[in-house]
PDB file of all heavy atoms in Angstrom:
ATOM      1  N   ASN A   1     -32.716   8.436  -2.166  1.00  0.00           N
ATOM      2  CA  ASN A   1     -31.295   8.829  -2.313  1.00  0.00           C
ATOM      3  C   ASN A   1     -30.950  10.021  -1.423  1.00  0.00           C
ATOM      4  O   ASN A   1     -30.259  10.951  -1.834  1.00  0.00           O
ATOM      5  CB  ASN A   1     -30.969   9.157  -3.771  1.00  0.00           C
ATOM      6  CG  ASN A   1     -31.126   7.940  -4.659  1.00  0.00           C
ATOM      7  OD1 ASN A   1     -30.831   6.820  -4.237  1.00  0.00           O
ATOM      8  ND2 ASN A   1     -31.603   8.164  -5.886  1.00  0.00           N
ATOM      9  N   GLU A   2     -31.402  10.056  -0.244  1.00  0.00           N
ATOM     10  CA  GLU A   2     -31.097  11.147   0.702  1.00  0.00           C
ATOM     11  C   GLU A   2     -29.935  10.724   1.581  1.00  0.00           C
ATOM     12  O   GLU A   2     -30.100  10.189   2.681  1.00  0.00           O
ATOM     13  CB  GLU A   2     -32.336  11.447   1.547  1.00  0.00           C
ATOM     14  CG  GLU A   2     -33.502  12.006   0.742  1.00  0.00           C
ATOM     15  CD  GLU A   2     -34.669  12.328   1.644  1.00  0.00           C
ATOM     16  OE1 GLU A   2     -34.556  12.040   2.856  1.00  0.00           O
ATOM     17  OE2 GLU A   2     -35.695  12.815   1.137  1.00  0.00           O
ATOM     18  N   PHE A   3     -28.724  10.916   1.041  1.00  0.00           N
ATOM     19  CA  PHE A   3     -27.511  10.580   1.804  1.00  0.00           C
ATOM     20  C   PHE A   3     -26.989  11.854   2.455  1.00  0.00           C
ATOM     21  O   PHE A   3     -26.850  12.893   1.803  1.00  0.00           O
ATOM     22  CB  PHE A   3     -26.443   9.994   0.884  1.00  0.00           C
ATOM     23  CG  PHE A   3     -26.889   8.717   0.215  1.00  0.00           C
ATOM     24  CD1 PHE A   3     -27.358   8.707  -1.085  1.00  0.00           C
ATOM     25  CD2 PHE A   3     -26.850   7.520   0.933  1.00  0.00           C
ATOM     26  CE1 PHE A   3     -27.778   7.554  -1.671  1.00  0.00           C
ATOM     27  CE2 PHE A   3     -27.282   6.366   0.316  1.00  0.00           C
ATOM     28  CZ  PHE A   3     -27.727   6.376  -0.972  1.00  0.00           C
ATOM     29  N   PRO A   4     -26.629  11.860   3.750  1.00  0.00           N
ATOM     30  CA  PRO A   4     -26.112  13.086   4.439  1.00  0.00           C
ATOM     31  C   PRO A   4     -24.720  13.456   3.925  1.00  0.00           C
ATOM     32  O   PRO A   4     -23.892  12.584   3.623  1.00  0.00           O
ATOM     33  CB  PRO A   4     -26.104  12.661   5.898  1.00  0.00           C
ATOM     34  CG  PRO A   4     -25.996  11.172   5.876  1.00  0.00           C
ATOM     35  CD  PRO A   4     -26.714  10.725   4.673  1.00  0.00           C
ATOM     36  N   LEU A   5     -24.465  14.802   3.761  1.00  0.00           N
ATOM     37  CA  LEU A   5     -23.174  15.324   3.297  1.00  0.00           C
ATOM     38  C   LEU A   5     -22.293  15.640   4.491  1.00  0.00           C
ATOM     39  O   LEU A   5     -22.712  16.338   5.415  1.00  0.00           O
ATOM     40  CB  LEU A   5     -23.397  16.589   2.454  1.00  0.00           C
ATOM     41  CG  LEU A   5     -24.233  16.392   1.181  1.00  0.00           C
ATOM     42  CD1 LEU A   5     -24.442  17.746   0.490  1.00  0.00           C
ATOM     43  CD2 LEU A   5     -23.561  15.424   0.252  1.00  0.00           C
ATOM     44  N   GLN A   6     -21.039  15.163   4.485  1.00  0.00           N
ATOM     45  CA  GLN A   6     -20.088  15.400   5.575  1.00  0.00           C
ATOM     46  C   GLN A   6     -18.973  16.319   5.076  1.00  0.00           C
ATOM     47  O   GLN A   6     -18.451  16.151   3.988  1.00  0.00           O
ATOM     48  CB  GLN A   6     -19.499  14.087   6.064  1.00  0.00           C
ATOM     49  CG  GLN A   6     -20.568  13.152   6.659  1.00  0.00           C
ATOM     50  CD  GLN A   6     -19.951  11.847   7.142  1.00  0.00           C
ATOM     51  OE1 GLN A   6     -18.750  11.639   6.966  1.00  0.00           O
ATOM     52  NE2 GLN A   6     -20.793  10.999   7.746  1.00  0.00           N
ATOM     53  N   ALA A   7     -18.589  17.298   5.885  1.00  0.00           N
ATOM     54  CA  ALA A   7     -17.515  18.269   5.529  1.00  0.00           C
ATOM     55  C   ALA A   7     -16.158  17.615   5.641  1.00  0.00           C
ATOM     56  O   ALA A   7     -15.912  16.812   6.537  1.00  0.00           O
ATOM     57  CB  ALA A   7     -17.567  19.494   6.446  1.00  0.00           C
ATOM     58  N   CYS A   8     -15.289  17.996   4.676  1.00  0.00           N
ATOM     59  CA  CYS A   8     -13.927  17.453   4.712  1.00  0.00           C
ATOM     60  C   CYS A   8     -13.143  18.147   5.814  1.00  0.00           C
ATOM     61  O   CYS A   8     -13.257  19.354   6.025  1.00  0.00           O
ATOM     62  CB  CYS A   8     -13.222  17.690   3.373  1.00  0.00           C
ATOM     63  SG  CYS A   8     -14.003  16.770   2.060  1.00  0.00           S
ATOM     64  N   PRO A   9     -12.398  17.426   6.538  1.00  0.00           N
ATOM     65  CA  PRO A   9     -11.610  18.069   7.633  1.00  0.00           C
ATOM     66  C   PRO A   9     -10.537  19.003   7.070  1.00  0.00           C
ATOM     67  O   PRO A   9      -9.946  18.735   6.024  1.00  0.00           O
ATOM     68  CB  PRO A   9     -11.019  16.857   8.346  1.00  0.00           C
ATOM     69  CG  PRO A   9     -10.993  15.769   7.327  1.00  0.00           C
ATOM     70  CD  PRO A   9     -12.138  16.006   6.438  1.00  0.00           C
ATOM     71  N   SER A  10     -10.322  20.141   7.695  1.00  0.00           N
ATOM     72  CA  SER A  10      -9.297  21.140   7.276  1.00  0.00           C
ATOM     73  C   SER A  10      -7.929  20.681   7.739  1.00  0.00           C
ATOM     74  O   SER A  10      -7.792  19.924   8.690  1.00  0.00           O
ATOM     75  CB  SER A  10      -9.639  22.510   7.870  1.00  0.00           C
ATOM     76  OG  SER A  10      -9.622  22.434   9.273  1.00  0.00           O
ATOM     77  N   PRO A  11      -6.879  21.204   7.056  1.00  0.00           N
ATOM     78  CA  PRO A  11      -5.504  20.785   7.437  1.00  0.00           C
ATOM     79  C   PRO A  11      -5.143  21.205   8.822  1.00  0.00           C
ATOM     80  O   PRO A  11      -4.333  20.572   9.484  1.00  0.00           O
ATOM     81  CB  PRO A  11      -4.623  21.458   6.394  1.00  0.00           C
ATOM     82  CG  PRO A  11      -5.519  21.679   5.228  1.00  0.00           C
ATOM     83  CD  PRO A  11      -6.850  21.967   5.794  1.00  0.00           C
ATOM     84  N   SER A  12      -5.745  22.338   9.264  1.00  0.00           N
ATOM     85  CA  SER A  12      -5.380  22.845  10.589  1.00  0.00           C
ATOM     86  C   SER A  12      -6.114  22.140  11.699  1.00  0.00           C
ATOM     87  O   SER A  12      -5.908  22.386  12.872  1.00  0.00           O
ATOM     88  CB  SER A  12      -5.671  24.339  10.671  1.00  0.00           C
ATOM     89  OG  SER A  12      -7.063  24.562  10.464  1.00  0.00           O
ATOM     90  N   SER A  13      -7.023  21.288  11.282  1.00  0.00           N
ATOM     91  CA  SER A  13      -7.823  20.602  12.303  1.00  0.00           C
ATOM     92  C   SER A  13      -6.963  19.609  13.045  1.00  0.00           C
ATOM     93  O   SER A  13      -6.105  18.948  12.469  1.00  0.00           O
ATOM     94  CB  SER A  13      -9.011  19.899  11.643  1.00  0.00           C
ATOM     95  OG  SER A  13      -9.698  19.155  12.592  1.00  0.00           O
ATOM     96  N   GLN A  14      -7.110  19.621  14.320  1.00  0.00           N
ATOM     97  CA  GLN A  14      -6.356  18.692  15.151  1.00  0.00           C
ATOM     98  C   GLN A  14      -6.760  17.256  14.958  1.00  0.00           C
ATOM     99  O   GLN A  14      -6.089  16.347  15.405  1.00  0.00           O
ATOM    100  CB  GLN A  14      -6.546  19.072  16.640  1.00  0.00           C
ATOM    101  CG  GLN A  14      -5.992  20.452  16.969  1.00  0.00           C
ATOM    102  CD  GLN A  14      -6.204  20.796  18.434  1.00  0.00           C
ATOM    103  OE1 GLN A  14      -6.795  19.993  19.156  1.00  0.00           O
ATOM    104  NE2 GLN A  14      -5.678  21.956  18.863  1.00  0.00           N
ATOM    105  N   SER A  15      -7.871  17.108  14.292  1.00  0.00           N
ATOM    106  CA  SER A  15      -8.330  15.740  14.084  1.00  0.00           C
ATOM    107  C   SER A  15      -7.650  15.051  12.928  1.00  0.00           C
ATOM    108  O   SER A  15      -7.916  13.899  12.657  1.00  0.00           O
ATOM    109  CB  SER A  15      -9.856  15.718  13.851  1.00  0.00           C
ATOM    110  OG  SER A  15     -10.166  16.443  12.679  1.00  0.00           O
ATOM    111  N   LEU A  16      -6.767  15.774  12.164  1.00  0.00           N
ATOM    112  CA  LEU A  16      -6.056  15.148  11.066  1.00  0.00           C
ATOM    113  C   LEU A  16      -5.101  14.111  11.591  1.00  0.00           C
ATOM    114  O   LEU A  16      -4.416  14.337  12.589  1.00  0.00           O
ATOM    115  CB  LEU A  16      -5.286  16.186  10.253  1.00  0.00           C
ATOM    116  CG  LEU A  16      -6.134  17.155   9.420  1.00  0.00           C
ATOM    117  CD1 LEU A  16      -5.206  18.197   8.772  1.00  0.00           C
ATOM    118  CD2 LEU A  16      -6.882  16.407   8.366  1.00  0.00           C
ATOM    119  N   ARG A  17      -5.068  13.082  10.935  1.00  0.00           N
ATOM    120  CA  ARG A  17      -4.137  12.026  11.311  1.00  0.00           C
ATOM    121  C   ARG A  17      -2.839  12.191  10.551  1.00  0.00           C
ATOM    122  O   ARG A  17      -2.688  13.068   9.701  1.00  0.00           O
ATOM    123  CB  ARG A  17      -4.782  10.658  11.015  1.00  0.00           C
ATOM    124  CG  ARG A  17      -6.057  10.460  11.834  1.00  0.00           C
ATOM    125  CD  ARG A  17      -6.671   9.106  11.505  1.00  0.00           C
ATOM    126  NE  ARG A  17      -7.932   8.945  12.254  1.00  0.00           N
ATOM    127  CZ  ARG A  17      -8.699   7.881  12.161  1.00  0.00           C
ATOM    128  NH1 ARG A  17      -8.347   6.887  11.333  1.00  0.00           N
ATOM    129  NH2 ARG A  17      -9.819   7.807  12.876  1.00  0.00           N
ATOM    130  N   SER A  18      -1.971  11.299  10.803  1.00  0.00           N
ATOM    131  CA  SER A  18      -0.627  11.424  10.225  1.00  0.00           C
ATOM    132  C   SER A  18      -0.660  11.296   8.718  1.00  0.00           C
ATOM    133  O   SER A  18      -0.002  12.049   8.004  1.00  0.00           O
ATOM    134  CB  SER A  18       0.298  10.365  10.831  1.00  0.00           C
ATOM    135  OG  SER A  18      -0.227   9.083  10.545  1.00  0.00           O
ATOM    136  N   TYR A  19      -1.494  10.394   8.234  1.00  0.00           N
ATOM    137  CA  TYR A  19      -1.517  10.200   6.779  1.00  0.00           C
ATOM    138  C   TYR A  19      -2.187  11.358   6.099  1.00  0.00           C
ATOM    139  O   TYR A  19      -1.931  11.645   4.955  1.00  0.00           O
ATOM    140  CB  TYR A  19      -2.186   8.870   6.394  1.00  0.00           C
ATOM    141  CG  TYR A  19      -3.588   8.693   6.883  1.00  0.00           C
ATOM    142  CD1 TYR A  19      -4.649   9.239   6.159  1.00  0.00           C
ATOM    143  CD2 TYR A  19      -3.852   7.991   8.045  1.00  0.00           C
ATOM    144  CE1 TYR A  19      -5.939   9.074   6.589  1.00  0.00           C
ATOM    145  CE2 TYR A  19      -5.138   7.824   8.474  1.00  0.00           C
ATOM    146  CZ  TYR A  19      -6.194   8.369   7.750  1.00  0.00           C
ATOM    147  OH  TYR A  19      -7.475   8.205   8.187  1.00  0.00           O
ATOM    148  N   ASP A  20      -3.050  12.108   6.773  1.00  0.00           N
ATOM    149  CA  ASP A  20      -3.649  13.303   6.187  1.00  0.00           C
ATOM    150  C   ASP A  20      -2.615  14.404   6.018  1.00  0.00           C
ATOM    151  O   ASP A  20      -2.588  15.109   5.009  1.00  0.00           O
ATOM    152  CB  ASP A  20      -4.790  13.803   7.067  1.00  0.00           C
ATOM    153  CG  ASP A  20      -5.967  12.808   7.090  1.00  0.00           C
ATOM    154  OD1 ASP A  20      -6.139  12.080   6.079  1.00  0.00           O
ATOM    155  OD2 ASP A  20      -6.707  12.757   8.100  1.00  0.00           O
ATOM    156  N   LEU A  21      -1.672  14.596   6.982  1.00  0.00           N
ATOM    157  CA  LEU A  21      -0.632  15.614   6.902  1.00  0.00           C
ATOM    158  C   LEU A  21       0.348  15.313   5.788  1.00  0.00           C
ATOM    159  O   LEU A  21       0.758  16.195   5.035  1.00  0.00           O
ATOM    160  CB  LEU A  21       0.109  15.715   8.245  1.00  0.00           C
ATOM    161  CG  LEU A  21      -0.729  16.252   9.417  1.00  0.00           C
ATOM    162  CD1 LEU A  21       0.082  16.173  10.705  1.00  0.00           C
ATOM    163  CD2 LEU A  21      -1.172  17.687   9.152  1.00  0.00           C
ATOM    164  N   ILE A  22       0.654  14.071   5.652  1.00  0.00           N
ATOM    165  CA  ILE A  22       1.587  13.691   4.599  1.00  0.00           C
ATOM    166  C   ILE A  22       0.993  13.992   3.244  1.00  0.00           C
ATOM    167  O   ILE A  22       1.649  14.463   2.333  1.00  0.00           O
ATOM    168  CB  ILE A  22       1.951  12.212   4.733  1.00  0.00           C
ATOM    169  CG1 ILE A  22       2.735  11.968   6.013  1.00  0.00           C
ATOM    170  CG2 ILE A  22       2.714  11.703   3.514  1.00  0.00           C
ATOM    171  CD1 ILE A  22       2.961  10.533   6.344  1.00  0.00           C
ATOM    172  N   THR A  23      -0.269  13.760   3.111  1.00  0.00           N
ATOM    173  CA  THR A  23      -0.934  14.029   1.833  1.00  0.00           C
ATOM    174  C   THR A  23      -0.898  15.497   1.515  1.00  0.00           C
ATOM    175  O   THR A  23      -0.654  15.911   0.386  1.00  0.00           O
ATOM    176  CB  THR A  23      -2.383  13.553   1.890  1.00  0.00           C
ATOM    177  OG1 THR A  23      -2.419  12.163   2.224  1.00  0.00           O
ATOM    178  CG2 THR A  23      -3.100  13.774   0.556  1.00  0.00           C
ATOM    179  N   VAL A  24      -1.018  16.372   2.505  1.00  0.00           N
ATOM    180  CA  VAL A  24      -0.988  17.812   2.293  1.00  0.00           C
ATOM    181  C   VAL A  24       0.379  18.271   1.898  1.00  0.00           C
ATOM    182  O   VAL A  24       0.563  19.097   1.013  1.00  0.00           O
ATOM    183  CB  VAL A  24      -1.476  18.532   3.571  1.00  0.00           C
ATOM    184  CG1 VAL A  24      -1.292  20.025   3.440  1.00  0.00           C
ATOM    185  CG2 VAL A  24      -2.944  18.196   3.819  1.00  0.00           C
ATOM    186  N   ILE A  25       1.436  17.712   2.537  1.00  0.00           N
ATOM    187  CA  ILE A  25       2.809  18.094   2.230  1.00  0.00           C
ATOM    188  C   ILE A  25       3.147  17.686   0.809  1.00  0.00           C
ATOM    189  O   ILE A  25       3.775  18.438   0.057  1.00  0.00           O
ATOM    190  CB  ILE A  25       3.767  17.459   3.235  1.00  0.00           C
ATOM    191  CG1 ILE A  25       3.516  18.071   4.609  1.00  0.00           C
ATOM    192  CG2 ILE A  25       5.231  17.633   2.809  1.00  0.00           C
ATOM    193  CD1 ILE A  25       4.284  17.373   5.719  1.00  0.00           C
ATOM    194  N   GLU A  26       2.816  16.524   0.427  1.00  0.00           N
ATOM    195  CA  GLU A  26       3.118  16.058  -0.931  1.00  0.00           C
ATOM    196  C   GLU A  26       2.466  16.951  -1.956  1.00  0.00           C
ATOM    197  O   GLU A  26       3.064  17.288  -2.981  1.00  0.00           O
ATOM    198  CB  GLU A  26       2.650  14.609  -1.088  1.00  0.00           C
ATOM    199  CG  GLU A  26       3.523  13.641  -0.306  1.00  0.00           C
ATOM    200  CD  GLU A  26       3.039  12.209  -0.446  1.00  0.00           C
ATOM    201  OE1 GLU A  26       1.933  12.031  -1.058  1.00  0.00           O
ATOM    202  OE2 GLU A  26       3.685  11.258   0.025  1.00  0.00           O
ATOM    203  N   ASN A  27       1.297  17.380  -1.673  1.00  0.00           N
ATOM    204  CA  ASN A  27       0.616  18.250  -2.617  1.00  0.00           C
ATOM    205  C   ASN A  27       1.324  19.580  -2.725  1.00  0.00           C
ATOM    206  O   ASN A  27       1.429  20.170  -3.798  1.00  0.00           O
ATOM    207  CB  ASN A  27      -0.831  18.446  -2.192  1.00  0.00           C
ATOM    208  CG  ASN A  27      -1.647  17.151  -2.342  1.00  0.00           C
ATOM    209  OD1 ASN A  27      -1.279  16.308  -3.160  1.00  0.00           O
ATOM    210  ND2 ASN A  27      -2.717  17.049  -1.585  1.00  0.00           N
ATOM    211  N   SER A  28       1.912  20.112  -1.612  1.00  0.00           N
ATOM    212  CA  SER A  28       2.624  21.407  -1.627  1.00  0.00           C
ATOM    213  C   SER A  28       3.892  21.294  -2.438  1.00  0.00           C
ATOM    214  O   SER A  28       4.243  22.198  -3.214  1.00  0.00           O
ATOM    215  CB  SER A  28       2.934  21.849  -0.198  1.00  0.00           C
ATOM    216  OG  SER A  28       1.738  22.002   0.524  1.00  0.00           O
ATOM    217  N   ASN A  29       4.672  20.225  -2.313  1.00  0.00           N
ATOM    218  CA  ASN A  29       5.897  20.028  -3.073  1.00  0.00           C
ATOM    219  C   ASN A  29       5.617  19.949  -4.565  1.00  0.00           C
ATOM    220  O   ASN A  29       6.372  20.480  -5.397  1.00  0.00           O
ATOM    221  CB  ASN A  29       6.602  18.747  -2.627  1.00  0.00           C
ATOM    222  CG  ASN A  29       7.141  18.888  -1.171  1.00  0.00           C
ATOM    223  OD1 ASN A  29       7.429  20.008  -0.706  1.00  0.00           O
ATOM    224  ND2 ASN A  29       7.281  17.751  -0.493  1.00  0.00           N
ATOM    225  N   GLU A  30       4.555  19.305  -4.938  1.00  0.00           N
ATOM    226  CA  GLU A  30       4.218  19.201  -6.359  1.00  0.00           C
ATOM    227  C   GLU A  30       3.905  20.550  -6.942  1.00  0.00           C
ATOM    228  O   GLU A  30       4.289  20.869  -8.075  1.00  0.00           O
ATOM    229  CB  GLU A  30       3.017  18.252  -6.534  1.00  0.00           C
ATOM    230  CG  GLU A  30       3.377  16.802  -6.257  1.00  0.00           C
ATOM    231  CD  GLU A  30       2.170  15.903  -6.402  1.00  0.00           C
ATOM    232  OE1 GLU A  30       1.061  16.445  -6.678  1.00  0.00           O
ATOM    233  OE2 GLU A  30       2.292  14.660  -6.244  1.00  0.00           O
ATOM    234  N   GLU A  31       3.233  21.409  -6.176  1.00  0.00           N
ATOM    235  CA  GLU A  31       2.913  22.744  -6.685  1.00  0.00           C
ATOM    236  C   GLU A  31       4.171  23.566  -6.855  1.00  0.00           C
ATOM    237  O   GLU A  31       4.303  24.344  -7.832  1.00  0.00           O
ATOM    238  CB  GLU A  31       1.950  23.430  -5.705  1.00  0.00           C
ATOM    239  CG  GLU A  31       0.572  22.806  -5.705  1.00  0.00           C
ATOM    240  CD  GLU A  31      -0.351  23.496  -4.702  1.00  0.00           C
ATOM    241  OE1 GLU A  31       0.148  24.384  -4.007  1.00  0.00           O
ATOM    242  OE2 GLU A  31      -1.544  23.088  -4.618  1.00  0.00           O
ATOM    243  N   GLN A  32       5.152  23.469  -5.927  1.00  0.00           N
ATOM    244  CA  GLN A  32       6.392  24.225  -6.059  1.00  0.00           C
ATOM    245  C   GLN A  32       7.158  23.795  -7.275  1.00  0.00           C
ATOM    246  O   GLN A  32       7.759  24.615  -7.994  1.00  0.00           O
ATOM    247  CB  GLN A  32       7.240  24.031  -4.796  1.00  0.00           C
ATOM    248  CG  GLN A  32       6.649  24.743  -3.585  1.00  0.00           C
ATOM    249  CD  GLN A  32       7.454  24.509  -2.299  1.00  0.00           C
ATOM    250  OE1 GLN A  32       8.518  23.834  -2.330  1.00  0.00           O
ATOM    251  NE2 GLN A  32       6.996  25.098  -1.180  1.00  0.00           N
ATOM    252  N   GLU A  33       7.219  22.481  -7.580  1.00  0.00           N
ATOM    253  CA  GLU A  33       7.929  22.002  -8.754  1.00  0.00           C
ATOM    254  C   GLU A  33       7.311  22.526 -10.011  1.00  0.00           C
ATOM    255  O   GLU A  33       8.004  22.889 -10.981  1.00  0.00           O
ATOM    256  CB  GLU A  33       7.927  20.477  -8.787  1.00  0.00           C
ATOM    257  CG  GLU A  33       8.827  19.885  -7.688  1.00  0.00           C
ATOM    258  CD  GLU A  33       8.763  18.346  -7.699  1.00  0.00           C
ATOM    259  OE1 GLU A  33       7.970  17.827  -8.511  1.00  0.00           O
ATOM    260  OE2 GLU A  33       9.448  17.725  -6.885  1.00  0.00           O
TER     261      GLU A  33
END
């Protein structure tokens, strides 16, 4: 069971795709509400 651990990409990372940014925005609106 030696599976390699991969780091989650940060929001500021240029490698985020469009659906990753949308997910971050939705999470921010929910916190404000």
